[in-house]
Amino acid sequence: MKLTGKLEKAINAQVTMEFEAAVVYRQLAIEMDVQDLPGISQWFFAQSDEELVHAHKFISHMTDRDAHPKIAAMPAPGLEIATVLDAFKAALANEEKVSESIRGLYRLAQEEGDIDALPLLTWFISEQLEEESTVSEIIGRVQLIGEDGNGLLRLDAELGTRVPGAAE
């Protein structure tokens, strides 16, 4: 089934949003690198790579359905990050924004009767639940650590085990 109309436009907007999310995570990685936390920086770089994979999933879906993906202009992240907690709170806010957008796509696909889009969107809904849960858990751990430098360094080492480019 050819992808057309409102859903095509909305998925194109989602493609741009996924690229925006990747840029946000790149900036968060830079912020953590500046704070000499290479493991947390690496975690954010890996998350950025995963967002690019997500963009390409939407792009593939569009091209498979004879639609023309187009990346729109994106604003700079404009993040003010002073602490690790700030960084992960920004990450969670970003994930929540993406999650809501995907739920909107799902509702639109239902309204449009586009059953071909539903399996992809169902996968993304599950993925976003996982993303939000992971970031929320890290926030909880950062809050438990507080100002404890040893705890922060342990978290940095743990999160640094995530390998960039090892996304779905």
C-alpha atoms as a PDB file:
ATOM      1  CA  MET A   1       0.000   0.000   0.000  1.00  0.00           C
ATOM      2  CA  LYS A   2       1.389   3.375  -0.989  1.00  0.00           C
ATOM      3  CA  LEU A   3       1.983   5.780   1.871  1.00  0.00           C
ATOM      4  CA  THR A   4       0.149   9.032   1.240  1.00  0.00           C
ATOM      5  CA  GLY A   5      -1.442  12.085   2.759  1.00  0.00           C
ATOM      6  CA  LYS A   6      -1.347  13.051   6.388  1.00  0.00           C
ATOM      7  CA  LEU A   7       0.546   9.961   7.502  1.00  0.00           C
ATOM      8  CA  GLU A   8       3.329  10.496   4.964  1.00  0.00           C
ATOM      9  CA  LYS A   9       3.751  14.061   6.175  1.00  0.00           C
ATOM     10  CA  ALA A  10       3.689  12.969   9.826  1.00  0.00           C
ATOM     11  CA  ILE A  11       6.251  10.200   9.318  1.00  0.00           C
ATOM     12  CA  ASN A  12       8.492  12.662   7.512  1.00  0.00           C
ATOM     13  CA  ALA A  13       8.265  14.898  10.583  1.00  0.00           C
ATOM     14  CA  GLN A  14       9.166  11.872  12.723  1.00  0.00           C
ATOM     15  CA  VAL A  15      12.247  11.221  10.597  1.00  0.00           C
ATOM     16  CA  THR A  16      13.412  14.755  11.363  1.00  0.00           C
ATOM     17  CA  MET A  17      12.574  14.298  15.044  1.00  0.00           C
ATOM     18  CA  GLU A  18      14.721  11.154  15.201  1.00  0.00           C
ATOM     19  CA  PHE A  19      17.652  13.049  13.685  1.00  0.00           C
ATOM     20  CA  GLU A  20      17.040  15.853  16.196  1.00  0.00           C
ATOM     21  CA  ALA A  21      17.126  13.291  19.014  1.00  0.00           C
ATOM     22  CA  ALA A  22      20.452  12.011  17.697  1.00  0.00           C
ATOM     23  CA  VAL A  23      21.864  15.545  17.757  1.00  0.00           C
ATOM     24  CA  VAL A  24      20.590  16.101  21.312  1.00  0.00           C
ATOM     25  CA  TYR A  25      22.352  12.939  22.431  1.00  0.00           C
ATOM     26  CA  ARG A  26      25.545  14.010  20.622  1.00  0.00           C
ATOM     27  CA  GLN A  27      25.470  17.295  22.508  1.00  0.00           C
ATOM     28  CA  LEU A  28      24.886  15.490  25.798  1.00  0.00           C
ATOM     29  CA  ALA A  29      27.870  13.263  24.982  1.00  0.00           C
ATOM     30  CA  ILE A  30      29.985  16.348  24.391  1.00  0.00           C
ATOM     31  CA  GLU A  31      28.830  17.872  27.691  1.00  0.00           C
ATOM     32  CA  MET A  32      29.808  14.737  29.598  1.00  0.00           C
ATOM     33  CA  ASP A  33      33.151  14.556  27.824  1.00  0.00           C
ATOM     34  CA  VAL A  34      33.825  18.165  28.871  1.00  0.00           C
ATOM     35  CA  GLN A  35      33.117  17.073  32.465  1.00  0.00           C
ATOM     36  CA  ASP A  36      35.713  14.273  32.133  1.00  0.00           C
ATOM     37  CA  LEU A  37      33.129  11.497  32.244  1.00  0.00           C
ATOM     38  CA  PRO A  38      34.081   9.427  29.196  1.00  0.00           C
ATOM     39  CA  GLY A  39      31.859   6.470  30.068  1.00  0.00           C
ATOM     40  CA  ILE A  40      28.700   8.547  30.325  1.00  0.00           C
ATOM     41  CA  SER A  41      29.784  10.365  27.169  1.00  0.00           C
ATOM     42  CA  GLN A  42      30.117   7.021  25.393  1.00  0.00           C
ATOM     43  CA  TRP A  43      26.637   5.998  26.596  1.00  0.00           C
ATOM     44  CA  PHE A  44      25.179   9.160  25.072  1.00  0.00           C
ATOM     45  CA  PHE A  45      27.094   8.610  21.815  1.00  0.00           C
ATOM     46  CA  ALA A  46      25.685   5.080  21.638  1.00  0.00           C
ATOM     47  CA  GLN A  47      22.199   6.457  22.251  1.00  0.00           C
ATOM     48  CA  SER A  48      22.740   8.957  19.441  1.00  0.00           C
ATOM     49  CA  ASP A  49      23.664   6.100  17.112  1.00  0.00           C
ATOM     50  CA  GLU A  50      20.476   4.302  18.115  1.00  0.00           C
ATOM     51  CA  GLU A  51      18.384   7.348  17.223  1.00  0.00           C
ATOM     52  CA  LEU A  52      19.953   7.308  13.749  1.00  0.00           C
ATOM     53  CA  VAL A  53      18.914   3.666  13.394  1.00  0.00           C
ATOM     54  CA  HIS A  54      15.386   4.713  14.327  1.00  0.00           C
ATOM     55  CA  ALA A  55      15.385   7.437  11.670  1.00  0.00           C
ATOM     56  CA  HIS A  56      16.485   4.893   9.088  1.00  0.00           C
ATOM     57  CA  LYS A  57      13.697   2.494  10.100  1.00  0.00           C
ATOM     58  CA  PHE A  58      11.178   5.206   9.290  1.00  0.00           C
ATOM     59  CA  ILE A  59      13.020   6.114   6.070  1.00  0.00           C
ATOM     60  CA  SER A  60      12.998   2.471   4.938  1.00  0.00           C
ATOM     61  CA  HIS A  61       9.304   2.167   5.711  1.00  0.00           C
ATOM     62  CA  MET A  62       8.619   5.245   3.598  1.00  0.00           C
ATOM     63  CA  THR A  63      10.732   4.177   0.627  1.00  0.00           C
ATOM     64  CA  ASP A  64       9.248   0.674   0.747  1.00  0.00           C
ATOM     65  CA  ARG A  65       5.867   2.344   0.320  1.00  0.00           C
ATOM     66  CA  ASP A  66       6.844   4.661  -2.561  1.00  0.00           C
ATOM     67  CA  ALA A  67       7.021   7.759  -0.365  1.00  0.00           C
ATOM     68  CA  HIS A  68       9.803  10.338  -0.441  1.00  0.00           C
ATOM     69  CA  PRO A  69      11.518  10.889   2.915  1.00  0.00           C
ATOM     70  CA  LYS A  70      12.772  14.422   3.460  1.00  0.00           C
ATOM     71  CA  ILE A  71      14.743  15.712   6.421  1.00  0.00           C
ATOM     72  CA  ALA A  72      13.512  19.135   7.490  1.00  0.00           C
ATOM     73  CA  ALA A  73      15.530  21.915   9.095  1.00  0.00           C
ATOM     74  CA  MET A  74      16.471  21.249  12.697  1.00  0.00           C
ATOM     75  CA  PRO A  75      17.181  23.685  15.501  1.00  0.00           C
ATOM     76  CA  ALA A  76      20.397  23.481  17.523  1.00  0.00           C
ATOM     77  CA  PRO A  77      19.900  21.524  20.758  1.00  0.00           C
ATOM     78  CA  GLY A  78      20.339  24.615  22.948  1.00  0.00           C
ATOM     79  CA  LEU A  79      21.004  22.588  26.092  1.00  0.00           C
ATOM     80  CA  GLU A  80      22.300  24.056  29.343  1.00  0.00           C
ATOM     81  CA  ILE A  81      23.908  21.144  31.166  1.00  0.00           C
ATOM     82  CA  ALA A  82      25.746  21.659  34.455  1.00  0.00           C
ATOM     83  CA  THR A  83      25.482  18.184  35.992  1.00  0.00           C
ATOM     84  CA  VAL A  84      25.046  14.541  35.086  1.00  0.00           C
ATOM     85  CA  LEU A  85      21.524  14.768  36.477  1.00  0.00           C
ATOM     86  CA  ASP A  86      20.786  17.694  34.135  1.00  0.00           C
ATOM     87  CA  ALA A  87      22.013  15.602  31.209  1.00  0.00           C
ATOM     88  CA  PHE A  88      19.798  12.625  31.971  1.00  0.00           C
ATOM     89  CA  LYS A  89      16.781  14.814  32.720  1.00  0.00           C
ATOM     90  CA  ALA A  90      17.263  16.408  29.278  1.00  0.00           C
ATOM     91  CA  ALA A  91      17.503  12.916  27.793  1.00  0.00           C
ATOM     92  CA  LEU A  92      14.261  11.845  29.480  1.00  0.00           C
ATOM     93  CA  ALA A  93      12.434  14.964  28.298  1.00  0.00           C
ATOM     94  CA  ASN A  94      13.631  14.222  24.773  1.00  0.00           C
ATOM     95  CA  GLU A  95      12.472  10.589  24.972  1.00  0.00           C
ATOM     96  CA  GLU A  96       9.067  11.631  26.310  1.00  0.00           C
ATOM     97  CA  LYS A  97       8.666  14.047  23.387  1.00  0.00           C
ATOM     98  CA  VAL A  98       9.549  11.300  20.892  1.00  0.00           C
ATOM     99  CA  SER A  99       7.221   8.827  22.620  1.00  0.00           C
ATOM    100  CA  GLU A 100       4.274  11.186  22.390  1.00  0.00           C
ATOM    101  CA  SER A 101       4.992  11.821  18.719  1.00  0.00           C
ATOM    102  CA  ILE A 102       5.025   8.092  17.975  1.00  0.00           C
ATOM    103  CA  ARG A 103       1.762   7.587  19.852  1.00  0.00           C
ATOM    104  CA  GLY A 104       0.333  10.356  17.682  1.00  0.00           C
ATOM    105  CA  LEU A 105       1.540   8.532  14.567  1.00  0.00           C
ATOM    106  CA  TYR A 106      -0.139   5.356  15.791  1.00  0.00           C
ATOM    107  CA  ARG A 107      -3.430   7.167  16.375  1.00  0.00           C
ATOM    108  CA  LEU A 108      -3.186   8.792  12.932  1.00  0.00           C
ATOM    109  CA  ALA A 109      -2.461   5.447  11.248  1.00  0.00           C
ATOM    110  CA  GLN A 110      -5.576   4.042  12.909  1.00  0.00           C
ATOM    111  CA  GLU A 111      -7.672   7.030  11.785  1.00  0.00           C
ATOM    112  CA  GLU A 112      -6.347   6.725   8.232  1.00  0.00           C
ATOM    113  CA  GLY A 113      -6.935   2.954   8.199  1.00  0.00           C
ATOM    114  CA  ASP A 114      -3.258   2.389   7.397  1.00  0.00           C
ATOM    115  CA  ILE A 115      -2.738  -1.069   8.825  1.00  0.00           C
ATOM    116  CA  ASP A 116       0.635  -1.381   7.064  1.00  0.00           C
ATOM    117  CA  ALA A 117       2.162   1.236   9.371  1.00  0.00           C
ATOM    118  CA  LEU A 118       0.892  -0.333  12.594  1.00  0.00           C
ATOM    119  CA  PRO A 119       3.544  -3.083  13.034  1.00  0.00           C
ATOM    120  CA  LEU A 120       6.362  -0.526  12.729  1.00  0.00           C
ATOM    121  CA  LEU A 121       4.642   1.877  15.106  1.00  0.00           C
ATOM    122  CA  THR A 122       3.893  -0.897  17.605  1.00  0.00           C
ATOM    123  CA  TRP A 123       7.610  -1.760  17.623  1.00  0.00           C
ATOM    124  CA  PHE A 124       8.451   1.891  18.259  1.00  0.00           C
ATOM    125  CA  ILE A 125       5.944   2.161  21.116  1.00  0.00           C
ATOM    126  CA  SER A 126       7.636  -0.775  22.852  1.00  0.00           C
ATOM    127  CA  GLU A 127      11.065   0.685  22.110  1.00  0.00           C
ATOM    128  CA  GLN A 128      10.110   4.039  23.617  1.00  0.00           C
ATOM    129  CA  LEU A 129       8.819   2.388  26.786  1.00  0.00           C
ATOM    130  CA  GLU A 130      12.217   0.749  27.133  1.00  0.00           C
ATOM    131  CA  GLU A 131      14.072   4.008  26.388  1.00  0.00           C
ATOM    132  CA  GLU A 132      12.133   5.989  28.985  1.00  0.00           C
ATOM    133  CA  SER A 133      12.500   3.233  31.573  1.00  0.00           C
ATOM    134  CA  THR A 134      16.264   3.016  31.071  1.00  0.00           C
ATOM    135  CA  VAL A 135      16.813   6.759  31.355  1.00  0.00           C
ATOM    136  CA  SER A 136      14.479   6.981  34.373  1.00  0.00           C
ATOM    137  CA  GLU A 137      16.456   4.229  36.100  1.00  0.00           C
ATOM    138  CA  ILE A 138      19.720   6.063  35.450  1.00  0.00           C
ATOM    139  CA  ILE A 139      18.191   9.271  36.845  1.00  0.00           C
ATOM    140  CA  GLY A 140      17.220   7.390  40.001  1.00  0.00           C
ATOM    141  CA  ARG A 141      20.750   6.086  40.377  1.00  0.00           C
ATOM    142  CA  VAL A 142      22.263   9.538  39.808  1.00  0.00           C
ATOM    143  CA  GLN A 143      19.945  10.934  42.478  1.00  0.00           C
ATOM    144  CA  LEU A 144      21.038   8.190  44.896  1.00  0.00           C
ATOM    145  CA  ILE A 145      24.695   8.964  44.188  1.00  0.00           C
ATOM    146  CA  GLY A 146      24.206  12.677  44.769  1.00  0.00           C
ATOM    147  CA  GLU A 147      27.559  14.407  45.226  1.00  0.00           C
ATOM    148  CA  ASP A 148      29.498  11.170  45.849  1.00  0.00           C
ATOM    149  CA  GLY A 149      32.405  11.281  43.417  1.00  0.00           C
ATOM    150  CA  ASN A 150      33.197   7.592  43.827  1.00  0.00           C
ATOM    151  CA  GLY A 151      29.629   6.658  42.985  1.00  0.00           C
ATOM    152  CA  LEU A 152      29.656   8.885  39.936  1.00  0.00           C
ATOM    153  CA  LEU A 153      32.918   7.348  38.735  1.00  0.00           C
ATOM    154  CA  ARG A 154      31.451   3.853  39.187  1.00  0.00           C
ATOM    155  CA  LEU A 155      28.391   4.856  37.152  1.00  0.00           C
ATOM    156  CA  ASP A 156      30.677   6.378  34.537  1.00  0.00           C
ATOM    157  CA  ALA A 157      32.607   3.109  34.266  1.00  0.00           C
ATOM    158  CA  GLU A 158      29.414   1.051  34.070  1.00  0.00           C
ATOM    159  CA  LEU A 159      27.737   3.187  31.410  1.00  0.00           C
ATOM    160  CA  GLY A 160      30.985   3.233  29.443  1.00  0.00           C
ATOM    161  CA  THR A 161      30.582  -0.465  28.691  1.00  0.00           C
ATOM    162  CA  ARG A 162      27.857   0.361  26.178  1.00  0.00           C
ATOM    163  CA  VAL A 163      29.312   0.128  22.692  1.00  0.00           C
ATOM    164  CA  PRO A 164      28.417   2.886  20.190  1.00  0.00           C
ATOM    165  CA  GLY A 165      26.975   1.494  16.970  1.00  0.00           C
ATOM    166  CA  ALA A 166      25.601  -1.631  18.632  1.00  0.00           C
ATOM    167  CA  ALA A 167      21.972  -0.562  18.187  1.00  0.00           C
ATOM    168  CA  GLU A 168      19.096  -2.765  16.950  1.00  0.00           C
END
